[in-house]
Amino acid sequence: MAQGSDSNDTSYHKSPSPSSRLASTDDAKKVMRREKNRIAAQKSRMRQTQRADSLHLESEALEKENAALRKEVKRLTEEAKYLSSVLSSHEPLCTGLAPQTPDLLYPPHHSNYHHQHIAVPHYQH
């Protein structure tokens, strides 16, 4: 009988050699590594998109707040101009705001210093 012709010969049906088993293990590791990397990249892109969305919402909120603050500054500026004009028109009438010398800062009690045009209620104790 010739070698290798027997159908019961186990050497003919080779089991994978250690190097081919190593190669298939390496291939499986590559596949697993690629799958993990794909999932990690997907998660990273999702986090990046969520961060961009969050920054966009924050930006919109800050723009609204900025607009409201600018509106308030404009209103306060107009109010300051109005009050300044009221004060300017009142200054000539008010002797209490005239430049004073140190001896006039505290006038004697018998003076009608503020009673010329300002009525201040007096409370009894």
PDB file of N, CA and C in Angstrom:
ATOM      1  N   MET A   1       0.819  -1.156   0.000  1.00  0.00           N
ATOM      2  CA  MET A   1       0.000   0.000   0.000  1.00  0.00           C
ATOM      3  C   MET A   1       0.873   1.231   0.000  1.00  0.00           C
ATOM      4  N   ALA A   2       0.478   2.266  -0.721  1.00  0.00           N
ATOM      5  CA  ALA A   2       1.280   3.475  -0.858  1.00  0.00           C
ATOM      6  C   ALA A   2       0.958   4.433   0.274  1.00  0.00           C
ATOM      7  N   GLN A   3       1.929   5.217   0.583  1.00  0.00           N
ATOM      8  CA  GLN A   3       1.730   6.182   1.668  1.00  0.00           C
ATOM      9  C   GLN A   3       0.718   7.247   1.244  1.00  0.00           C
ATOM     10  N   GLY A   4      -0.137   7.657   2.169  1.00  0.00           N
ATOM     11  CA  GLY A   4      -1.075   8.744   1.934  1.00  0.00           C
ATOM     12  C   GLY A   4      -2.288   8.299   1.172  1.00  0.00           C
ATOM     13  N   SER A   5      -2.360   6.993   0.747  1.00  0.00           N
ATOM     14  CA  SER A   5      -3.517   6.564  -0.009  1.00  0.00           C
ATOM     15  C   SER A   5      -4.582   5.970   0.886  1.00  0.00           C
ATOM     16  N   ASP A   6      -4.243   5.662   2.116  1.00  0.00           N
ATOM     17  CA  ASP A   6      -5.197   5.082   3.051  1.00  0.00           C
ATOM     18  C   ASP A   6      -6.169   6.159   3.513  1.00  0.00           C
ATOM     19  N   SER A   7      -7.457   5.906   3.459  1.00  0.00           N
ATOM     20  CA  SER A   7      -8.455   6.891   3.819  1.00  0.00           C
ATOM     21  C   SER A   7      -8.534   7.097   5.318  1.00  0.00           C
ATOM     22  N   ASN A   8      -7.977   6.157   6.073  1.00  0.00           N
ATOM     23  CA  ASN A   8      -7.981   6.301   7.522  1.00  0.00           C
ATOM     24  C   ASN A   8      -6.737   7.016   8.040  1.00  0.00           C
ATOM     25  N   ASP A   9      -5.895   7.437   7.162  1.00  0.00           N
ATOM     26  CA  ASP A   9      -4.634   8.099   7.536  1.00  0.00           C
ATOM     27  C   ASP A   9      -4.960   9.487   8.105  1.00  0.00           C
ATOM     28  N   THR A  10      -4.598   9.740   9.339  1.00  0.00           N
ATOM     29  CA  THR A  10      -4.895  11.011   9.997  1.00  0.00           C
ATOM     30  C   THR A  10      -3.924  12.108   9.606  1.00  0.00           C
ATOM     31  N   SER A  11      -2.766  11.760   9.102  1.00  0.00           N
ATOM     32  CA  SER A  11      -1.803  12.791   8.730  1.00  0.00           C
ATOM     33  C   SER A  11      -2.241  13.534   7.474  1.00  0.00           C
ATOM     34  N   TYR A  12      -3.128  12.946   6.713  1.00  0.00           N
ATOM     35  CA  TYR A  12      -3.596  13.590   5.497  1.00  0.00           C
ATOM     36  C   TYR A  12      -4.498  14.773   5.845  1.00  0.00           C
ATOM     37  N   HIS A  13      -5.352  14.600   6.853  1.00  0.00           N
ATOM     38  CA  HIS A  13      -6.211  15.702   7.301  1.00  0.00           C
ATOM     39  C   HIS A  13      -5.451  16.476   8.359  1.00  0.00           C
ATOM     40  N   LYS A  14      -4.767  17.518   7.907  1.00  0.00           N
ATOM     41  CA  LYS A  14      -3.916  18.282   8.821  1.00  0.00           C
ATOM     42  C   LYS A  14      -4.752  19.142   9.758  1.00  0.00           C
ATOM     43  N   SER A  15      -4.350  19.186  11.012  1.00  0.00           N
ATOM     44  CA  SER A  15      -4.940  20.164  11.927  1.00  0.00           C
ATOM     45  C   SER A  15      -4.187  21.461  11.694  1.00  0.00           C
ATOM     46  N   PRO A  16      -4.813  22.594  11.999  1.00  0.00           N
ATOM     47  CA  PRO A  16      -4.129  23.869  11.729  1.00  0.00           C
ATOM     48  C   PRO A  16      -2.798  23.925  12.458  1.00  0.00           C
ATOM     49  N   SER A  17      -1.818  24.368  11.756  1.00  0.00           N
ATOM     50  CA  SER A  17      -0.485  24.486  12.356  1.00  0.00           C
ATOM     51  C   SER A  17      -0.510  25.601  13.391  1.00  0.00           C
ATOM     52  N   PRO A  18       0.422  25.612  14.314  1.00  0.00           N
ATOM     53  CA  PRO A  18       0.451  26.676  15.329  1.00  0.00           C
ATOM     54  C   PRO A  18       0.529  28.059  14.693  1.00  0.00           C
ATOM     55  N   SER A  19       1.225  28.215  13.588  1.00  0.00           N
ATOM     56  CA  SER A  19       1.330  29.531  12.957  1.00  0.00           C
ATOM     57  C   SER A  19       0.004  29.957  12.347  1.00  0.00           C
ATOM     58  N   SER A  20      -0.763  29.014  11.781  1.00  0.00           N
ATOM     59  CA  SER A  20      -2.050  29.386  11.203  1.00  0.00           C
ATOM     60  C   SER A  20      -3.066  29.665  12.307  1.00  0.00           C
ATOM     61  N   ARG A  21      -2.948  28.961  13.453  1.00  0.00           N
ATOM     62  CA  ARG A  21      -3.824  29.265  14.589  1.00  0.00           C
ATOM     63  C   ARG A  21      -3.511  30.664  15.110  1.00  0.00           C
ATOM     64  N   LEU A  22      -2.240  31.018  15.130  1.00  0.00           N
ATOM     65  CA  LEU A  22      -1.814  32.337  15.576  1.00  0.00           C
ATOM     66  C   LEU A  22      -2.361  33.399  14.640  1.00  0.00           C
ATOM     67  N   ALA A  23      -2.331  33.119  13.355  1.00  0.00           N
ATOM     68  CA  ALA A  23      -2.822  34.074  12.365  1.00  0.00           C
ATOM     69  C   ALA A  23      -4.321  34.277  12.530  1.00  0.00           C
ATOM     70  N   SER A  24      -5.065  33.194  12.751  1.00  0.00           N
ATOM     71  CA  SER A  24      -6.514  33.342  12.917  1.00  0.00           C
ATOM     72  C   SER A  24      -6.829  34.052  14.232  1.00  0.00           C
ATOM     73  N   THR A  25      -6.030  33.858  15.272  1.00  0.00           N
ATOM     74  CA  THR A  25      -6.209  34.573  16.541  1.00  0.00           C
ATOM     75  C   THR A  25      -5.903  36.057  16.338  1.00  0.00           C
ATOM     76  N   ASP A  26      -4.834  36.338  15.578  1.00  0.00           N
ATOM     77  CA  ASP A  26      -4.494  37.730  15.265  1.00  0.00           C
ATOM     78  C   ASP A  26      -5.605  38.387  14.460  1.00  0.00           C
ATOM     79  N   ASP A  27      -6.169  37.652  13.505  1.00  0.00           N
ATOM     80  CA  ASP A  27      -7.270  38.187  12.704  1.00  0.00           C
ATOM     81  C   ASP A  27      -8.475  38.494  13.592  1.00  0.00           C
ATOM     82  N   ALA A  28      -8.784  37.585  14.494  1.00  0.00           N
ATOM     83  CA  ALA A  28      -9.910  37.809  15.406  1.00  0.00           C
ATOM     84  C   ALA A  28      -9.642  39.022  16.290  1.00  0.00           C
ATOM     85  N   LYS A  29      -8.398  39.167  16.749  1.00  0.00           N
ATOM     86  CA  LYS A  29      -8.044  40.325  17.581  1.00  0.00           C
ATOM     87  C   LYS A  29      -8.174  41.619  16.775  1.00  0.00           C
ATOM     88  N   LYS A  30      -7.754  41.571  15.500  1.00  0.00           N
ATOM     89  CA  LYS A  30      -7.872  42.759  14.643  1.00  0.00           C
ATOM     90  C   LYS A  30      -9.341  43.137  14.472  1.00  0.00           C
ATOM     91  N   VAL A  31     -10.156  42.118  14.210  1.00  0.00           N
ATOM     92  CA  VAL A  31     -11.586  42.375  14.020  1.00  0.00           C
ATOM     93  C   VAL A  31     -12.179  42.987  15.290  1.00  0.00           C
ATOM     94  N   MET A  32     -11.850  42.426  16.440  1.00  0.00           N
ATOM     95  CA  MET A  32     -12.354  42.946  17.719  1.00  0.00           C
ATOM     96  C   MET A  32     -11.845  44.364  17.973  1.00  0.00           C
ATOM     97  N   ARG A  33     -10.570  44.598  17.683  1.00  0.00           N
ATOM     98  CA  ARG A  33      -9.985  45.926  17.885  1.00  0.00           C
ATOM     99  C   ARG A  33     -10.656  46.949  16.968  1.00  0.00           C
ATOM    100  N   ARG A  34     -10.884  46.548  15.706  1.00  0.00           N
ATOM    101  CA  ARG A  34     -11.546  47.454  14.761  1.00  0.00           C
ATOM    102  C   ARG A  34     -12.969  47.752  15.205  1.00  0.00           C
ATOM    103  N   GLU A  35     -13.667  46.739  15.697  1.00  0.00           N
ATOM    104  CA  GLU A  35     -15.041  46.930  16.166  1.00  0.00           C
ATOM    105  C   GLU A  35     -15.066  47.877  17.368  1.00  0.00           C
ATOM    106  N   LYS A  36     -14.154  47.668  18.313  1.00  0.00           N
ATOM    107  CA  LYS A  36     -14.062  48.559  19.479  1.00  0.00           C
ATOM    108  C   LYS A  36     -13.736  49.983  19.037  1.00  0.00           C
ATOM    109  N   ASN A  37     -12.812  50.102  18.096  1.00  0.00           N
ATOM    110  CA  ASN A  37     -12.424  51.418  17.589  1.00  0.00           C
ATOM    111  C   ASN A  37     -13.603  52.097  16.878  1.00  0.00           C
ATOM    112  N   ARG A  38     -14.358  51.309  16.110  1.00  0.00           N
ATOM    113  CA  ARG A  38     -15.518  51.859  15.405  1.00  0.00           C
ATOM    114  C   ARG A  38     -16.536  52.390  16.413  1.00  0.00           C
ATOM    115  N   ILE A  39     -16.788  51.622  17.462  1.00  0.00           N
ATOM    116  CA  ILE A  39     -17.746  52.040  18.492  1.00  0.00           C
ATOM    117  C   ILE A  39     -17.230  53.278  19.233  1.00  0.00           C
ATOM    118  N   ALA A  40     -15.944  53.288  19.552  1.00  0.00           N
ATOM    119  CA  ALA A  40     -15.349  54.442  20.246  1.00  0.00           C
ATOM    120  C   ALA A  40     -15.435  55.697  19.367  1.00  0.00           C
ATOM    121  N   ALA A  41     -15.172  55.551  18.069  1.00  0.00           N
ATOM    122  CA  ALA A  41     -15.252  56.692  17.155  1.00  0.00           C
ATOM    123  C   ALA A  41     -16.686  57.200  17.057  1.00  0.00           C
ATOM    124  N   GLN A  42     -17.629  56.259  17.026  1.00  0.00           N
ATOM    125  CA  GLN A  42     -19.043  56.625  16.968  1.00  0.00           C
ATOM    126  C   GLN A  42     -19.444  57.409  18.219  1.00  0.00           C
ATOM    127  N   LYS A  43     -19.030  56.923  19.391  1.00  0.00           N
ATOM    128  CA  LYS A  43     -19.321  57.620  20.645  1.00  0.00           C
ATOM    129  C   LYS A  43     -18.674  58.999  20.664  1.00  0.00           C
ATOM    130  N   SER A  44     -17.441  59.069  20.175  1.00  0.00           N
ATOM    131  CA  SER A  44     -16.725  60.343  20.143  1.00  0.00           C
ATOM    132  C   SER A  44     -17.456  61.345  19.256  1.00  0.00           C
ATOM    133  N   ARG A  45     -17.903  60.904  18.094  1.00  0.00           N
ATOM    134  CA  ARG A  45     -18.648  61.794  17.196  1.00  0.00           C
ATOM    135  C   ARG A  45     -19.956  62.233  17.833  1.00  0.00           C
ATOM    136  N   MET A  46     -20.612  61.320  18.544  1.00  0.00           N
ATOM    137  CA  MET A  46     -21.865  61.654  19.215  1.00  0.00           C
ATOM    138  C   MET A  46     -21.622  62.699  20.310  1.00  0.00           C
ATOM    139  N   ARG A  47     -20.565  62.518  21.112  1.00  0.00           N
ATOM    140  CA  ARG A  47     -20.237  63.497  22.161  1.00  0.00           C
ATOM    141  C   ARG A  47     -19.903  64.850  21.542  1.00  0.00           C
ATOM    142  N   GLN A  48     -19.177  64.824  20.431  1.00  0.00           N
ATOM    143  CA  GLN A  48     -18.807  66.074  19.763  1.00  0.00           C
ATOM    144  C   GLN A  48     -20.057  66.799  19.259  1.00  0.00           C
ATOM    145  N   THR A  49     -21.001  66.050  18.703  1.00  0.00           N
ATOM    146  CA  THR A  49     -22.244  66.646  18.222  1.00  0.00           C
ATOM    147  C   THR A  49     -23.048  67.215  19.393  1.00  0.00           C
ATOM    148  N   GLN A  50     -23.122  66.469  20.495  1.00  0.00           N
ATOM    149  CA  GLN A  50     -23.845  66.955  21.665  1.00  0.00           C
ATOM    150  C   GLN A  50     -23.197  68.212  22.223  1.00  0.00           C
ATOM    151  N   ARG A  51     -21.881  68.239  22.247  1.00  0.00           N
ATOM    152  CA  ARG A  51     -21.162  69.429  22.741  1.00  0.00           C
ATOM    153  C   ARG A  51     -21.445  70.631  21.842  1.00  0.00           C
ATOM    154  N   ALA A  52     -21.437  70.406  20.521  1.00  0.00           N
ATOM    155  CA  ALA A  52     -21.719  71.492  19.582  1.00  0.00           C
ATOM    156  C   ALA A  52     -23.150  71.997  19.781  1.00  0.00           C
ATOM    157  N   ASP A  53     -24.099  71.084  19.964  1.00  0.00           N
ATOM    158  CA  ASP A  53     -25.489  71.479  20.209  1.00  0.00           C
ATOM    159  C   ASP A  53     -25.600  72.279  21.499  1.00  0.00           C
ATOM    160  N   SER A  54     -24.912  71.820  22.536  1.00  0.00           N
ATOM    161  CA  SER A  54     -24.934  72.498  23.826  1.00  0.00           C
ATOM    162  C   SER A  54     -24.348  73.910  23.707  1.00  0.00           C
ATOM    163  N   LEU A  55     -23.226  74.022  22.993  1.00  0.00           N
ATOM    164  CA  LEU A  55     -22.600  75.338  22.807  1.00  0.00           C
ATOM    165  C   LEU A  55     -23.507  76.259  21.998  1.00  0.00           C
ATOM    166  N   HIS A  56     -24.212  75.699  21.029  1.00  0.00           N
ATOM    167  CA  HIS A  56     -25.135  76.494  20.217  1.00  0.00           C
ATOM    168  C   HIS A  56     -26.267  77.043  21.088  1.00  0.00           C
ATOM    169  N   LEU A  57     -26.840  76.197  21.947  1.00  0.00           N
ATOM    170  CA  LEU A  57     -27.913  76.645  22.834  1.00  0.00           C
ATOM    171  C   LEU A  57     -27.407  77.706  23.817  1.00  0.00           C
ATOM    172  N   GLU A  58     -26.201  77.480  24.353  1.00  0.00           N
ATOM    173  CA  GLU A  58     -25.614  78.452  25.274  1.00  0.00           C
ATOM    174  C   GLU A  58     -25.375  79.781  24.570  1.00  0.00           C
ATOM    175  N   SER A  59     -24.907  79.705  23.329  1.00  0.00           N
ATOM    176  CA  SER A  59     -24.657  80.910  22.543  1.00  0.00           C
ATOM    177  C   SER A  59     -25.950  81.692  22.323  1.00  0.00           C
ATOM    178  N   GLU A  60     -27.023  80.983  21.973  1.00  0.00           N
ATOM    179  CA  GLU A  60     -28.306  81.651  21.771  1.00  0.00           C
ATOM    180  C   GLU A  60     -28.794  82.316  23.052  1.00  0.00           C
ATOM    181  N   ALA A  61     -28.649  81.616  24.178  1.00  0.00           N
ATOM    182  CA  ALA A  61     -29.073  82.185  25.457  1.00  0.00           C
ATOM    183  C   ALA A  61     -28.261  83.435  25.797  1.00  0.00           C
ATOM    184  N   LEU A  62     -26.951  83.381  25.553  1.00  0.00           N
ATOM    185  CA  LEU A  62     -26.095  84.538  25.838  1.00  0.00           C
ATOM    186  C   LEU A  62     -26.429  85.712  24.914  1.00  0.00           C
ATOM    187  N   GLU A  63     -26.764  85.413  23.665  1.00  0.00           N
ATOM    188  CA  GLU A  63     -27.152  86.484  22.742  1.00  0.00           C
ATOM    189  C   GLU A  63     -28.438  87.162  23.204  1.00  0.00           C
ATOM    190  N   LYS A  64     -29.401  86.360  23.685  1.00  0.00           N
ATOM    191  CA  LYS A  64     -30.645  86.937  24.205  1.00  0.00           C
ATOM    192  C   LYS A  64     -30.359  87.803  25.427  1.00  0.00           C
ATOM    193  N   GLU A  65     -29.524  87.289  26.333  1.00  0.00           N
ATOM    194  CA  GLU A  65     -29.176  88.049  27.533  1.00  0.00           C
ATOM    195  C   GLU A  65     -28.454  89.344  27.156  1.00  0.00           C
ATOM    196  N   ASN A  66     -27.550  89.259  26.180  1.00  0.00           N
ATOM    197  CA  ASN A  66     -26.809  90.433  25.724  1.00  0.00           C
ATOM    198  C   ASN A  66     -27.770  91.473  25.153  1.00  0.00           C
ATOM    199  N   ALA A  67     -28.736  91.017  24.354  1.00  0.00           N
ATOM    200  CA  ALA A  67     -29.715  91.946  23.768  1.00  0.00           C
ATOM    201  C   ALA A  67     -30.527  92.625  24.875  1.00  0.00           C
ATOM    202  N   ALA A  68     -30.930  91.844  25.882  1.00  0.00           N
ATOM    203  CA  ALA A  68     -31.697  92.417  26.988  1.00  0.00           C
ATOM    204  C   ALA A  68     -30.862  93.437  27.762  1.00  0.00           C
ATOM    205  N   LEU A  69     -29.583  93.112  27.978  1.00  0.00           N
ATOM    206  CA  LEU A  69     -28.705  94.040  28.696  1.00  0.00           C
ATOM    207  C   LEU A  69     -28.461  95.310  27.897  1.00  0.00           C
ATOM    208  N   ARG A  70     -28.297  95.168  26.579  1.00  0.00           N
ATOM    209  CA  ARG A  70     -28.123  96.369  25.738  1.00  0.00           C
ATOM    210  C   ARG A  70     -29.369  97.252  25.792  1.00  0.00           C
ATOM    211  N   LYS A  71     -30.545  96.615  25.791  1.00  0.00           N
ATOM    212  CA  LYS A  71     -31.798  97.357  25.872  1.00  0.00           C
ATOM    213  C   LYS A  71     -31.876  98.109  27.202  1.00  0.00           C
ATOM    214  N   GLU A  72     -31.473  97.445  28.280  1.00  0.00           N
ATOM    215  CA  GLU A  72     -31.480  98.084  29.597  1.00  0.00           C
ATOM    216  C   GLU A  72     -30.481  99.238  29.659  1.00  0.00           C
ATOM    217  N   VAL A  73     -29.291  99.049  29.074  1.00  0.00           N
ATOM    218  CA  VAL A  73     -28.293 100.130  29.045  1.00  0.00           C
ATOM    219  C   VAL A  73     -28.849 101.332  28.287  1.00  0.00           C
ATOM    220  N   LYS A  74     -29.528 101.061  27.164  1.00  0.00           N
ATOM    221  CA  LYS A  74     -30.112 102.163  26.379  1.00  0.00           C
ATOM    222  C   LYS A  74     -31.165 102.897  27.203  1.00  0.00           C
ATOM    223  N   ARG A  75     -32.021 102.133  27.886  1.00  0.00           N
ATOM    224  CA  ARG A  75     -33.072 102.742  28.717  1.00  0.00           C
ATOM    225  C   ARG A  75     -32.457 103.567  29.843  1.00  0.00           C
ATOM    226  N   LEU A  76     -31.442 103.009  30.505  1.00  0.00           N
ATOM    227  CA  LEU A  76     -30.803 103.723  31.606  1.00  0.00           C
ATOM    228  C   LEU A  76     -30.059 104.969  31.119  1.00  0.00           C
ATOM    229  N   THR A  77     -29.461 104.884  29.944  1.00  0.00           N
ATOM    230  CA  THR A  77     -28.777 106.053  29.369  1.00  0.00           C
ATOM    231  C   THR A  77     -29.784 107.166  29.092  1.00  0.00           C
ATOM    232  N   GLU A  78     -30.932 106.782  28.520  1.00  0.00           N
ATOM    233  CA  GLU A  78     -31.973 107.780  28.250  1.00  0.00           C
ATOM    234  C   GLU A  78     -32.504 108.378  29.548  1.00  0.00           C
ATOM    235  N   GLU A  79     -32.672 107.531  30.570  1.00  0.00           N
ATOM    236  CA  GLU A  79     -33.135 108.021  31.866  1.00  0.00           C
ATOM    237  C   GLU A  79     -32.107 108.974  32.481  1.00  0.00           C
ATOM    238  N   ALA A  80     -30.824 108.645  32.362  1.00  0.00           N
ATOM    239  CA  ALA A  80     -29.762 109.513  32.897  1.00  0.00           C
ATOM    240  C   ALA A  80     -29.776 110.865  32.172  1.00  0.00           C
ATOM    241  N   LYS A  81     -29.972 110.842  30.849  1.00  0.00           N
ATOM    242  CA  LYS A  81     -30.038 112.108  30.093  1.00  0.00           C
ATOM    243  C   LYS A  81     -31.231 112.938  30.565  1.00  0.00           C
ATOM    244  N   TYR A  82     -32.369 112.261  30.721  1.00  0.00           N
ATOM    245  CA  TYR A  82     -33.574 112.964  31.174  1.00  0.00           C
ATOM    246  C   TYR A  82     -33.356 113.574  32.558  1.00  0.00           C
ATOM    247  N   LEU A  83     -32.833 112.773  33.487  1.00  0.00           N
ATOM    248  CA  LEU A  83     -32.615 113.271  34.848  1.00  0.00           C
ATOM    249  C   LEU A  83     -31.581 114.388  34.863  1.00  0.00           C
ATOM    250  N   SER A  84     -30.580 114.274  34.006  1.00  0.00           N
ATOM    251  CA  SER A  84     -29.577 115.333  33.916  1.00  0.00           C
ATOM    252  C   SER A  84     -30.207 116.631  33.418  1.00  0.00           C
ATOM    253  N   SER A  85     -31.105 116.518  32.448  1.00  0.00           N
ATOM    254  CA  SER A  85     -31.766 117.729  31.945  1.00  0.00           C
ATOM    255  C   SER A  85     -32.697 118.319  33.004  1.00  0.00           C
ATOM    256  N   VAL A  86     -33.386 117.452  33.760  1.00  0.00           N
ATOM    257  CA  VAL A  86     -34.245 117.929  34.841  1.00  0.00           C
ATOM    258  C   VAL A  86     -33.391 118.660  35.875  1.00  0.00           C
ATOM    259  N   LEU A  87     -32.248 118.061  36.226  1.00  0.00           N
ATOM    260  CA  LEU A  87     -31.361 118.689  37.197  1.00  0.00           C
ATOM    261  C   LEU A  87     -30.833 120.019  36.668  1.00  0.00           C
ATOM    262  N   SER A  88     -30.440 120.054  35.400  1.00  0.00           N
ATOM    263  CA  SER A  88     -29.914 121.295  34.814  1.00  0.00           C
ATOM    264  C   SER A  88     -30.963 122.397  34.831  1.00  0.00           C
ATOM    265  N   SER A  89     -32.199 122.032  34.539  1.00  0.00           N
ATOM    266  CA  SER A  89     -33.246 123.056  34.546  1.00  0.00           C
ATOM    267  C   SER A  89     -33.624 123.464  35.970  1.00  0.00           C
ATOM    268  N   HIS A  90     -33.387 122.606  36.936  1.00  0.00           N
ATOM    269  CA  HIS A  90     -33.728 122.907  38.318  1.00  0.00           C
ATOM    270  C   HIS A  90     -32.607 123.642  39.060  1.00  0.00           C
ATOM    271  N   GLU A  91     -31.372 123.448  38.638  1.00  0.00           N
ATOM    272  CA  GLU A  91     -30.230 124.052  39.343  1.00  0.00           C
ATOM    273  C   GLU A  91     -30.360 125.560  39.541  1.00  0.00           C
ATOM    274  N   PRO A  92     -30.755 126.300  38.534  1.00  0.00           N
ATOM    275  CA  PRO A  92     -30.858 127.751  38.761  1.00  0.00           C
ATOM    276  C   PRO A  92     -31.897 128.104  39.826  1.00  0.00           C
ATOM    277  N   LEU A  93     -32.884 127.256  40.032  1.00  0.00           N
ATOM    278  CA  LEU A  93     -33.933 127.533  41.011  1.00  0.00           C
ATOM    279  C   LEU A  93     -33.552 127.104  42.421  1.00  0.00           C
ATOM    280  N   CYS A  94     -32.573 126.230  42.518  1.00  0.00           N
ATOM    281  CA  CYS A  94     -32.240 125.634  43.805  1.00  0.00           C
ATOM    282  C   CYS A  94     -30.995 126.298  44.388  1.00  0.00           C
ATOM    283  N   THR A  95     -31.184 127.037  45.485  1.00  0.00           N
ATOM    284  CA  THR A  95     -30.042 127.682  46.118  1.00  0.00           C
ATOM    285  C   THR A  95     -29.233 126.675  46.921  1.00  0.00           C
ATOM    286  N   GLY A  96     -29.820 125.542  47.248  1.00  0.00           N
ATOM    287  CA  GLY A  96     -29.131 124.523  48.026  1.00  0.00           C
ATOM    288  C   GLY A  96     -28.019 123.840  47.244  1.00  0.00           C
ATOM    289  N   LEU A  97     -28.046 123.899  45.923  1.00  0.00           N
ATOM    290  CA  LEU A  97     -27.026 123.249  45.120  1.00  0.00           C
ATOM    291  C   LEU A  97     -25.943 124.206  44.648  1.00  0.00           C
ATOM    292  N   ALA A  98     -26.075 125.473  45.028  1.00  0.00           N
ATOM    293  CA  ALA A  98     -25.065 126.450  44.626  1.00  0.00           C
ATOM    294  C   ALA A  98     -23.754 126.118  45.326  1.00  0.00           C
ATOM    295  N   PRO A  99     -22.628 126.436  44.697  1.00  0.00           N
ATOM    296  CA  PRO A  99     -21.331 126.169  45.340  1.00  0.00           C
ATOM    297  C   PRO A  99     -21.289 126.866  46.691  1.00  0.00           C
ATOM    298  N   GLN A 100     -20.808 126.128  47.666  1.00  0.00           N
ATOM    299  CA  GLN A 100     -20.823 126.651  49.023  1.00  0.00           C
ATOM    300  C   GLN A 100     -19.419 126.750  49.589  1.00  0.00           C
ATOM    301  N   THR A 101     -19.256 127.717  50.422  1.00  0.00           N
ATOM    302  CA  THR A 101     -17.996 127.841  51.146  1.00  0.00           C
ATOM    303  C   THR A 101     -18.142 127.041  52.425  1.00  0.00           C
ATOM    304  N   PRO A 102     -17.046 126.621  53.047  1.00  0.00           N
ATOM    305  CA  PRO A 102     -17.137 125.780  54.251  1.00  0.00           C
ATOM    306  C   PRO A 102     -17.997 126.369  55.362  1.00  0.00           C
ATOM    307  N   ASP A 103     -18.021 127.708  55.517  1.00  0.00           N
ATOM    308  CA  ASP A 103     -18.826 128.285  56.582  1.00  0.00           C
ATOM    309  C   ASP A 103     -20.317 128.242  56.261  1.00  0.00           C
ATOM    310  N   LEU A 104     -20.664 128.007  54.992  1.00  0.00           N
ATOM    311  CA  LEU A 104     -22.067 127.915  54.616  1.00  0.00           C
ATOM    312  C   LEU A 104     -22.576 126.475  54.581  1.00  0.00           C
ATOM    313  N   LEU A 105     -21.693 125.503  54.780  1.00  0.00           N
ATOM    314  CA  LEU A 105     -22.121 124.111  54.733  1.00  0.00           C
ATOM    315  C   LEU A 105     -23.118 123.789  55.834  1.00  0.00           C
ATOM    316  N   TYR A 106     -22.907 124.382  57.007  1.00  0.00           N
ATOM    317  CA  TYR A 106     -23.792 124.137  58.137  1.00  0.00           C
ATOM    318  C   TYR A 106     -24.347 125.475  58.600  1.00  0.00           C
ATOM    319  N   PRO A 107     -25.413 125.950  57.948  1.00  0.00           N
ATOM    320  CA  PRO A 107     -25.956 127.266  58.319  1.00  0.00           C
ATOM    321  C   PRO A 107     -26.594 127.214  59.710  1.00  0.00           C
ATOM    322  N   PRO A 108     -26.740 128.350  60.343  1.00  0.00           N
ATOM    323  CA  PRO A 108     -27.375 128.388  61.662  1.00  0.00           C
ATOM    324  C   PRO A 108     -28.811 127.848  61.573  1.00  0.00           C
ATOM    325  N   HIS A 109     -29.324 127.358  62.703  1.00  0.00           N
ATOM    326  CA  HIS A 109     -30.647 126.729  62.725  1.00  0.00           C
ATOM    327  C   HIS A 109     -31.778 127.705  62.472  1.00  0.00           C
ATOM    328  N   HIS A 110     -31.567 128.958  62.740  1.00  0.00           N
ATOM    329  CA  HIS A 110     -32.645 129.918  62.573  1.00  0.00           C
ATOM    330  C   HIS A 110     -32.850 130.310  61.110  1.00  0.00           C
ATOM    331  N   SER A 111     -31.979 129.853  60.213  1.00  0.00           N
ATOM    332  CA  SER A 111     -32.071 130.214  58.804  1.00  0.00           C
ATOM    333  C   SER A 111     -33.171 129.414  58.107  1.00  0.00           C
ATOM    334  N   ASN A 112     -33.776 130.026  57.125  1.00  0.00           N
ATOM    335  CA  ASN A 112     -34.744 129.343  56.275  1.00  0.00           C
ATOM    336  C   ASN A 112     -34.053 128.798  55.025  1.00  0.00           C
ATOM    337  N   TYR A 113     -32.892 128.247  55.196  1.00  0.00           N
ATOM    338  CA  TYR A 113     -32.017 127.806  54.102  1.00  0.00           C
ATOM    339  C   TYR A 113     -32.727 126.905  53.093  1.00  0.00           C
ATOM    340  N   HIS A 114     -33.384 125.833  53.543  1.00  0.00           N
ATOM    341  CA  HIS A 114     -34.031 124.899  52.617  1.00  0.00           C
ATOM    342  C   HIS A 114     -35.523 125.153  52.457  1.00  0.00           C
ATOM    343  N   HIS A 115     -36.066 126.000  53.269  1.00  0.00           N
ATOM    344  CA  HIS A 115     -37.508 126.161  53.249  1.00  0.00           C
ATOM    345  C   HIS A 115     -37.980 127.096  52.150  1.00  0.00           C
ATOM    346  N   GLN A 116     -37.094 127.579  51.332  1.00  0.00           N
ATOM    347  CA  GLN A 116     -37.488 128.484  50.257  1.00  0.00           C
ATOM    348  C   GLN A 116     -38.385 127.774  49.249  1.00  0.00           C
ATOM    349  N   HIS A 117     -38.028 126.549  48.868  1.00  0.00           N
ATOM    350  CA  HIS A 117     -38.845 125.854  47.868  1.00  0.00           C
ATOM    351  C   HIS A 117     -38.998 124.359  48.164  1.00  0.00           C
ATOM    352  N   ILE A 118     -38.442 123.895  49.271  1.00  0.00           N
ATOM    353  CA  ILE A 118     -38.550 122.485  49.623  1.00  0.00           C
ATOM    354  C   ILE A 118     -39.303 122.372  50.928  1.00  0.00           C
ATOM    355  N   ALA A 119     -40.427 121.697  50.893  1.00  0.00           N
ATOM    356  CA  ALA A 119     -41.199 121.507  52.108  1.00  0.00           C
ATOM    357  C   ALA A 119     -40.845 120.158  52.703  1.00  0.00           C
ATOM    358  N   VAL A 120     -40.305 120.162  53.920  1.00  0.00           N
ATOM    359  CA  VAL A 120     -39.897 118.932  54.577  1.00  0.00           C
ATOM    360  C   VAL A 120     -40.800 118.743  55.789  1.00  0.00           C
ATOM    361  N   PRO A 121     -41.507 117.620  55.868  1.00  0.00           N
ATOM    362  CA  PRO A 121     -42.387 117.444  57.037  1.00  0.00           C
ATOM    363  C   PRO A 121     -41.565 117.277  58.306  1.00  0.00           C
ATOM    364  N   HIS A 122     -42.041 117.893  59.377  1.00  0.00           N
ATOM    365  CA  HIS A 122     -41.375 117.791  60.671  1.00  0.00           C
ATOM    366  C   HIS A 122     -42.175 116.859  61.550  1.00  0.00           C
ATOM    367  N   TYR A 123     -41.519 115.918  62.130  1.00  0.00           N
ATOM    368  CA  TYR A 123     -42.179 114.920  62.958  1.00  0.00           C
ATOM    369  C   TYR A 123     -41.965 115.257  64.427  1.00  0.00           C
ATOM    370  N   GLN A 124     -42.988 115.091  65.210  1.00  0.00           N
ATOM    371  CA  GLN A 124     -42.859 115.321  66.646  1.00  0.00           C
ATOM    372  C   GLN A 124     -42.457 114.030  67.319  1.00  0.00           C
ATOM    373  N   HIS A 125     -41.603 114.110  68.285  1.00  0.00           N
ATOM    374  CA  HIS A 125     -41.132 112.937  69.008  1.00  0.00           C
ATOM    375  C   HIS A 125     -41.878 112.730  70.267  1.00  0.00           C
TER     376      HIS A 125
END
